[in-house]
N, C-alpha and C. Protein backbone atom coordinates (compact mmCIF):
# COMPACT_ATOMS: atom_id res chain seq x y z
N MET A 1 0.32 -1.05 0.03
CA MET A 1 0.06 0.08 0.00
C MET A 1 0.93 1.28 0.05
N GLU A 2 0.59 2.43 -0.92
CA GLU A 2 1.45 3.36 -1.01
C GLU A 2 0.20 4.49 -0.17
N ASP A 3 1.10 5.65 0.13
CA ASP A 3 0.97 6.66 0.80
C ASP A 3 0.47 7.61 -0.60
N ASP A 4 0.05 8.81 -0.07
CA ASP A 4 -0.14 9.92 -1.20
C ASP A 4 0.65 10.06 -1.78
N SER A 5 1.99 10.43 -1.62
CA SER A 5 3.43 10.22 -2.25
C SER A 5 3.88 9.75 -3.18
N GLY A 6 3.07 8.65 -3.19
CA GLY A 6 3.47 7.33 -4.10
C GLY A 6 4.72 6.20 -3.39
N LYS A 7 5.23 6.57 -2.43
CA LYS A 7 5.97 5.93 -1.48
C LYS A 7 5.70 4.83 -0.95
N PRO A 8 6.36 3.65 -0.66
CA PRO A 8 5.21 2.92 -0.04
C PRO A 8 5.38 3.50 1.59
N PRO A 9 4.44 3.07 2.35
CA PRO A 9 4.51 3.70 4.04
C PRO A 9 5.82 2.32 4.58
N TYR A 10 6.48 3.35 5.54
CA TYR A 10 7.17 3.08 6.49
C TYR A 10 6.71 2.42 7.30
N CYS A 11 7.02 0.71 7.58
CA CYS A 11 6.87 -0.12 8.74
C CYS A 11 7.15 0.52 10.03
N SER A 12 6.62 -0.02 10.81
CA SER A 12 7.29 0.84 12.68
C SER A 12 8.74 0.35 12.63
N ARG A 13 9.10 -0.54 12.57
CA ARG A 13 10.83 -0.99 12.71
C ARG A 13 11.44 -0.20 11.71
N CYS A 14 10.95 0.16 10.48
CA CYS A 14 11.79 0.92 9.83
C CYS A 14 11.91 2.49 10.76
N ARG A 15 11.03 3.02 11.07
CA ARG A 15 10.79 4.30 11.58
C ARG A 15 11.59 4.24 12.93
N ASN A 16 11.53 3.03 13.75
CA ASN A 16 12.60 2.97 14.71
C ASN A 16 14.12 2.67 14.91
N ASP A 17 14.32 2.34 13.09
CA ASP A 17 15.67 1.96 12.91
C ASP A 17 15.95 3.62 12.53
N GLN A 18 15.43 4.27 11.77
CA GLN A 18 15.56 5.60 11.77
C GLN A 18 16.07 6.54 12.72
N LEU A 19 15.08 6.34 13.58
CA LEU A 19 15.10 7.12 15.10
C LEU A 19 16.47 6.72 15.73
N SER A 20 16.60 5.57 15.85
CA SER A 20 18.06 4.80 16.33
C SER A 20 19.16 5.35 15.35
N LYS A 21 18.93 5.84 14.40
CA LYS A 21 20.38 6.09 13.45
C LYS A 21 20.51 7.52 13.88
N LYS A 22 19.12 8.35 14.18
CA LYS A 22 19.31 9.85 14.68
C LYS A 22 20.16 9.57 15.92
N GLN A 23 19.39 8.87 16.96
CA GLN A 23 20.05 9.11 18.71
C GLN A 23 21.37 8.71 18.09
N ILE A 24 21.92 7.70 17.20
CA ILE A 24 23.18 7.70 17.04
C ILE A 24 24.02 8.56 16.91
N ILE A 25 23.69 9.36 15.74
CA ILE A 25 24.26 10.47 15.65
C ILE A 25 24.38 11.61 16.58
N MET A 26 23.55 11.83 17.17
CA MET A 26 23.27 12.87 18.36
C MET A 26 24.33 12.29 19.34
N ALA A 27 24.36 11.36 19.36
CA ALA A 27 25.49 10.59 20.80
C ALA A 27 26.88 11.03 20.26
N SER A 28 27.26 10.27 18.93
CA SER A 28 28.17 10.69 18.34
C SER A 28 28.56 12.35 18.37
N GLU A 29 27.62 13.20 17.81
CA GLU A 29 27.99 14.64 18.36
C GLU A 29 28.35 15.05 19.64
N ILE A 30 27.28 14.64 20.31
CA ILE A 30 27.87 14.89 21.79
C ILE A 30 29.01 14.26 22.22
N ASN A 31 29.83 13.09 22.16
CA ASN A 31 30.95 12.58 22.09
C ASN A 31 32.11 13.47 21.63
N LYS A 32 31.64 13.66 20.29
CA LYS A 32 32.62 14.62 19.67
C LYS A 32 32.72 15.79 20.72
N ILE A 33 32.09 16.65 20.94
CA ILE A 33 31.74 17.85 21.21
C ILE A 33 32.66 17.81 23.15
N GLN A 34 31.99 17.01 23.60
CA GLN A 34 32.65 16.48 24.82
C GLN A 34 34.13 16.27 24.97
N SER A 35 34.65 15.47 23.95
CA SER A 35 35.85 15.26 23.57
C SER A 35 36.79 16.67 23.21
N GLN A 36 35.96 17.52 22.82
CA GLN A 36 37.14 18.82 22.36
C GLN A 36 36.92 19.72 23.60
N PHE A 37 35.77 19.59 24.19
CA PHE A 37 35.38 20.59 25.57
C PHE A 37 37.09 19.98 26.26
N GLU A 38 37.35 18.71 26.50
CA GLU A 38 38.25 17.66 27.46
C GLU A 38 39.68 18.71 26.80
N GLU A 39 39.54 18.58 25.57
CA GLU A 39 41.04 19.06 25.03
C GLU A 39 41.18 20.71 25.38
N LEU A 40 39.96 21.46 25.03
CA LEU A 40 40.37 22.77 25.59
C LEU A 40 40.50 23.04 27.26
N LYS A 41 39.65 22.24 28.14
CA LYS A 41 40.10 22.02 29.42
C LYS A 41 42.00 21.47 29.88
N SER A 42 42.06 20.31 28.99
CA SER A 42 43.42 20.15 29.17
C SER A 42 44.46 21.26 28.67
N ILE A 43 44.18 21.98 27.70
CA ILE A 43 44.93 23.19 27.31
C ILE A 43 44.91 24.28 28.38
N ILE A 44 43.63 24.54 29.04
CA ILE A 44 43.78 25.65 29.83
C ILE A 44 44.45 25.50 31.20
N VAL A 45 44.26 23.90 31.92
CA VAL A 45 45.29 23.02 32.85
C VAL A 45 46.54 23.04 32.56
N SER A 46 46.99 22.97 31.54
CA SER A 46 48.20 22.73 31.47
C SER A 46 48.95 24.48 31.47
N HIS A 47 48.19 25.19 30.76
CA HIS A 47 48.71 26.67 31.25
C HIS A 47 48.94 27.35 32.32
N LYS A 48 47.40 26.84 33.00
CA LYS A 48 47.19 27.24 34.25
C LYS A 48 48.66 26.81 35.05
N ASN A 49 49.06 25.29 34.99
CA ASN A 49 49.99 25.00 35.87
C ASN A 49 51.18 25.71 35.53
N ARG A 50 51.51 25.74 34.30
CA ARG A 50 52.97 26.47 33.59
C ARG A 50 52.78 27.84 34.40
N ALA A 51 52.03 28.08 34.47
CA ALA A 51 52.01 29.59 34.95
C ALA A 51 52.14 29.55 36.33
N CYS A 52 51.68 28.42 37.14
CA CYS A 52 51.75 28.58 38.67
C CYS A 52 53.57 28.32 38.90
N GLN A 53 53.80 27.61 37.92
CA GLN A 53 55.25 27.10 38.07
C GLN A 53 56.23 28.04 37.58
N THR A 54 55.68 29.18 36.89
CA THR A 54 56.71 30.12 36.60
C THR A 54 56.52 31.17 37.89
N VAL A 55 55.41 31.19 38.29
CA VAL A 55 55.36 32.52 39.63
C VAL A 55 56.38 31.37 40.77
N ASN A 56 56.20 30.41 41.05
CA ASN A 56 56.93 29.84 42.00
C ASN A 56 58.31 29.85 41.79
N THR A 57 58.71 29.78 40.79
CA THR A 57 59.98 30.19 40.48
C THR A 57 60.57 31.56 40.89
N GLU A 58 59.80 32.21 39.99
CA GLU A 58 60.10 33.81 40.83
C GLU A 58 60.28 33.92 41.82
N LEU A 59 59.23 33.36 42.56
CA LEU A 59 59.03 33.87 44.00
C LEU A 59 60.51 33.25 44.97
N ILE A 60 60.61 32.21 44.70
CA ILE A 60 61.72 31.34 45.15
C ILE A 60 63.23 32.31 44.68
N THR A 61 63.30 32.64 43.08
CA THR A 61 64.21 33.52 43.41
C THR A 61 64.45 34.79 43.67
N THR A 62 63.40 35.76 44.00
CA THR A 62 63.30 36.73 44.72
C THR A 62 63.72 36.44 46.19
N TYR A 63 63.34 35.54 46.66
CA TYR A 63 63.47 35.16 48.17
C TYR A 63 65.25 34.97 48.24
N TRP A 64 65.54 34.20 47.48
CA TRP A 64 67.00 33.81 47.57
C TRP A 64 68.10 35.17 47.12
N GLU A 65 67.33 35.83 46.33
CA GLU A 65 68.32 37.06 45.82
C GLU A 65 68.26 38.01 46.92
N VAL A 66 67.20 38.04 47.76
CA VAL A 66 67.04 39.07 48.77
C VAL A 66 67.77 38.20 50.29
N GLY A 67 67.71 37.00 50.09
CA GLY A 67 68.09 36.67 51.30
C GLY A 67 69.88 36.40 51.35
N LYS A 68 70.26 36.52 50.12
CA LYS A 68 71.83 36.49 49.29
C LYS A 68 72.17 38.31 49.78
N TYR A 69 71.48 39.15 49.49
CA TYR A 69 71.72 40.73 49.40
C TYR A 69 71.67 40.95 50.95
N VAL A 70 70.83 40.56 51.57
CA VAL A 70 71.10 41.05 53.57
C VAL A 70 72.08 39.96 53.86
N SER A 71 72.29 38.93 53.67
CA SER A 71 73.25 37.87 54.15
C SER A 71 74.36 38.92 53.83
N ASN A 72 74.97 38.93 52.89
CA ASN A 72 75.93 40.21 52.44
C ASN A 72 76.35 41.30 52.92
N ARG A 73 75.59 41.76 53.39
CA ARG A 73 75.42 43.16 54.06
C ARG A 73 75.81 43.31 55.55
N ILE A 74 75.11 41.70 56.18
CA ILE A 74 75.09 41.71 57.50
C ILE A 74 76.83 40.86 57.92
N ASN A 75 77.06 40.14 57.00
CA ASN A 75 78.72 39.82 56.89
C ASN A 75 79.54 40.38 56.83
N SER A 76 79.32 42.00 55.75
CA SER A 76 80.49 42.34 55.52
C SER A 76 80.35 43.61 56.63
N GLU A 77 79.52 43.57 57.67
CA GLU A 77 79.12 44.58 58.67
C GLU A 77 78.92 45.57 58.21
N GLN A 78 78.12 45.76 57.00
CA GLN A 78 77.34 47.49 56.95
C GLN A 78 76.19 47.41 57.56
N TRP A 79 75.65 46.24 58.08
CA TRP A 79 74.25 46.23 58.30
C TRP A 79 74.53 45.07 59.71
N GLY A 80 73.57 45.81 60.58
CA GLY A 80 73.54 45.29 62.06
C GLY A 80 72.66 44.33 62.09
N SER A 81 72.52 43.32 63.00
CA SER A 81 71.30 41.97 63.23
C SER A 81 69.80 42.48 63.07
N GLY A 82 69.78 43.65 63.22
CA GLY A 82 68.53 44.49 63.72
C GLY A 82 67.76 45.17 62.15
N VAL A 83 68.76 44.89 61.42
CA VAL A 83 68.13 45.63 59.78
C VAL A 83 67.12 44.73 59.15
N VAL A 84 66.75 43.38 59.56
CA VAL A 84 65.79 42.48 59.04
C VAL A 84 64.57 43.08 59.50
N ASN A 85 64.24 43.56 61.06
CA ASN A 85 63.21 44.21 61.87
C ASN A 85 62.82 45.53 60.97
N GLN A 86 64.13 46.26 60.69
CA GLN A 86 63.62 47.65 59.86
C GLN A 86 63.19 47.38 58.68
N PHE A 87 63.63 46.43 57.95
CA PHE A 87 63.37 46.33 56.63
C PHE A 87 61.47 46.02 56.53
N VAL A 88 61.44 45.01 57.49
CA VAL A 88 60.09 44.83 57.48
C VAL A 88 59.06 45.92 57.80
N GLY A 89 59.77 46.72 58.96
CA GLY A 89 58.95 47.95 58.70
C GLY A 89 58.59 48.84 58.09
N PHE A 90 60.07 49.23 57.10
CA PHE A 90 59.99 49.77 55.73
C PHE A 90 59.17 49.57 54.73
N LEU A 91 59.10 47.80 54.45
CA LEU A 91 57.96 47.67 53.65
C LEU A 91 56.33 47.66 54.07
N LYS A 92 56.33 47.84 55.33
CA LYS A 92 54.74 48.20 55.95
C LYS A 92 54.31 49.23 55.23
N GLU A 93 55.18 50.35 55.70
CA GLU A 93 55.10 51.78 55.40
C GLU A 93 54.90 51.99 53.85
N SER A 94 55.56 51.21 53.29
CA SER A 94 55.43 51.29 51.88
C SER A 94 54.30 51.28 51.01
């Protein structure tokens, strides 16, 4: 039996198969998008970690250089032992 279009009618199984194909395509697209989002997340996390590492490296370098400077001044007797507390006060005022 044909419908008004002249094409044979689809049985319910054919409609279910078509629906399943649409669902498979949609699921595939969702998986593709999720995969792409995971890639983006990975890029963000990677660069965030690199930024943290760079900041930590700079902080360690700063503390090392400050410590070296203060130590050299104290050892050369240009500064007394109270200079560290004076410097802390100076930083708080600045």
